Amino acid sequence: MIEPMKTQARTLDRKLRCVDNRIRSFDRVIYRVKVAEQLGVESVTRPIRVSSGTQLSRTVDRALAGTFASVPAQRLQQARVQVQTLAHGLGMSR
């Protein structure tokens, strides 16, 4: 009787960790999109068909990483500071 409960608890723990990781990943992509908006990026390439939200977020994140690579480090840092300032001003945190 104890073993099935332990197994269920471990399974639930793994599922919760997976969901936490997915939420962190989406939060990171949203943050990067906001930084890109501050840099004046109007659109990002994305696939026409996606099988999951995770695939979409990875594709957008990859495109944003390419965009950030072409931006001077100082300008990128200024955009990050602006986004963080806006988030703190709205009472949000990352």
Protein backbone atom coordinates (compact mmCIF):
# COMPACT_ATOMS: atom_id res chain seq x y z
CA MET A 1 0.00 0.00 0.00
CA ILE A 2 2.86 2.40 0.78
CA GLU A 3 4.76 1.74 -2.46
CA PRO A 4 1.96 2.89 -4.83
CA MET A 5 1.62 6.09 -2.82
CA LYS A 6 5.36 6.75 -3.07
CA THR A 7 5.25 6.08 -6.80
CA GLN A 8 2.30 8.43 -7.24
CA ALA A 9 4.05 11.11 -5.21
CA ARG A 10 7.21 10.81 -7.34
CA THR A 11 5.14 10.92 -10.52
CA LEU A 12 3.32 14.01 -9.33
CA ASP A 13 6.61 15.62 -8.32
CA ARG A 14 8.07 14.99 -11.79
CA LYS A 15 4.98 16.40 -13.47
CA LEU A 16 5.11 19.53 -11.31
CA ARG A 17 8.81 20.05 -12.09
CA CYS A 18 8.02 19.71 -15.79
CA VAL A 19 5.24 22.28 -15.56
CA ASP A 20 7.49 24.63 -13.56
CA ASN A 21 10.19 24.35 -16.21
CA ARG A 22 7.69 25.02 -18.98
CA ILE A 23 6.35 28.10 -17.18
CA ARG A 24 9.90 29.42 -16.67
CA SER A 25 10.62 28.83 -20.35
CA PHE A 26 7.52 30.76 -21.45
CA ASP A 27 8.29 33.56 -18.99
CA ARG A 28 11.78 33.82 -20.48
CA VAL A 29 10.38 34.01 -24.03
CA ILE A 30 7.84 36.67 -23.00
CA TYR A 31 10.64 38.69 -21.37
CA ARG A 32 12.76 38.41 -24.52
CA VAL A 33 9.83 39.47 -26.70
CA LYS A 34 9.42 42.57 -24.54
CA VAL A 35 13.13 43.34 -24.86
CA ALA A 36 12.84 42.91 -28.63
CA GLU A 37 9.90 45.34 -28.66
CA GLN A 38 12.06 47.89 -26.80
CA LEU A 39 14.71 47.41 -29.50
CA GLY A 40 12.13 48.17 -32.18
CA VAL A 41 11.75 44.64 -33.56
CA GLU A 42 8.30 44.49 -35.11
CA SER A 43 8.09 40.83 -36.07
CA VAL A 44 9.82 37.52 -35.51
CA THR A 45 9.85 34.55 -37.83
CA ARG A 46 7.80 31.63 -36.65
CA PRO A 47 6.66 28.34 -38.16
CA ILE A 48 3.32 28.23 -39.92
CA ARG A 49 2.34 24.95 -38.29
CA VAL A 50 3.39 23.87 -34.85
CA SER A 51 2.61 20.72 -32.96
CA SER A 52 2.82 22.29 -29.50
CA GLY A 53 3.23 25.51 -27.62
CA THR A 54 6.69 24.39 -26.57
CA GLN A 55 7.77 24.10 -30.20
CA LEU A 56 6.45 27.59 -30.90
CA SER A 57 8.24 29.10 -27.90
CA ARG A 58 11.52 27.42 -28.86
CA THR A 59 11.29 28.69 -32.42
CA VAL A 60 10.50 32.24 -31.32
CA ASP A 61 13.27 32.10 -28.71
CA ARG A 62 15.76 30.94 -31.35
CA ALA A 63 14.74 33.77 -33.67
CA LEU A 64 15.08 36.31 -30.87
CA ALA A 65 18.53 34.98 -29.97
CA GLY A 66 19.58 35.62 -33.57
CA THR A 67 18.16 39.13 -33.41
CA PHE A 68 19.94 39.87 -30.13
CA ALA A 69 23.24 38.65 -31.57
CA SER A 70 23.13 41.44 -34.15
CA VAL A 71 22.42 44.18 -31.59
CA PRO A 72 25.26 45.97 -29.78
CA ALA A 73 25.62 44.78 -26.18
CA GLN A 74 25.11 48.25 -24.71
CA ARG A 75 21.84 48.77 -26.59
CA LEU A 76 20.63 45.32 -25.56
CA GLN A 77 21.44 46.08 -21.92
CA GLN A 78 19.53 49.37 -22.11
CA ALA A 79 16.48 47.57 -23.49
CA ARG A 80 16.67 44.98 -20.69
CA VAL A 81 16.84 47.72 -18.07
CA GLN A 82 13.82 49.46 -19.63
CA VAL A 83 11.80 46.24 -19.56
CA GLN A 84 12.75 45.56 -15.94
CA THR A 85 11.90 49.14 -14.98
CA LEU A 86 8.50 48.85 -16.65
CA ALA A 87 7.83 45.52 -14.92
CA HIS A 88 8.73 46.93 -11.50
CA GLY A 89 6.65 50.02 -12.16
CA LEU A 90 3.63 47.85 -12.86
CA GLY A 91 4.25 45.78 -9.76
CA MET A 92 5.31 42.74 -11.75
CA SER A 93 8.44 40.73 -11.27
CA ARG A 94 10.24 38.34 -13.50
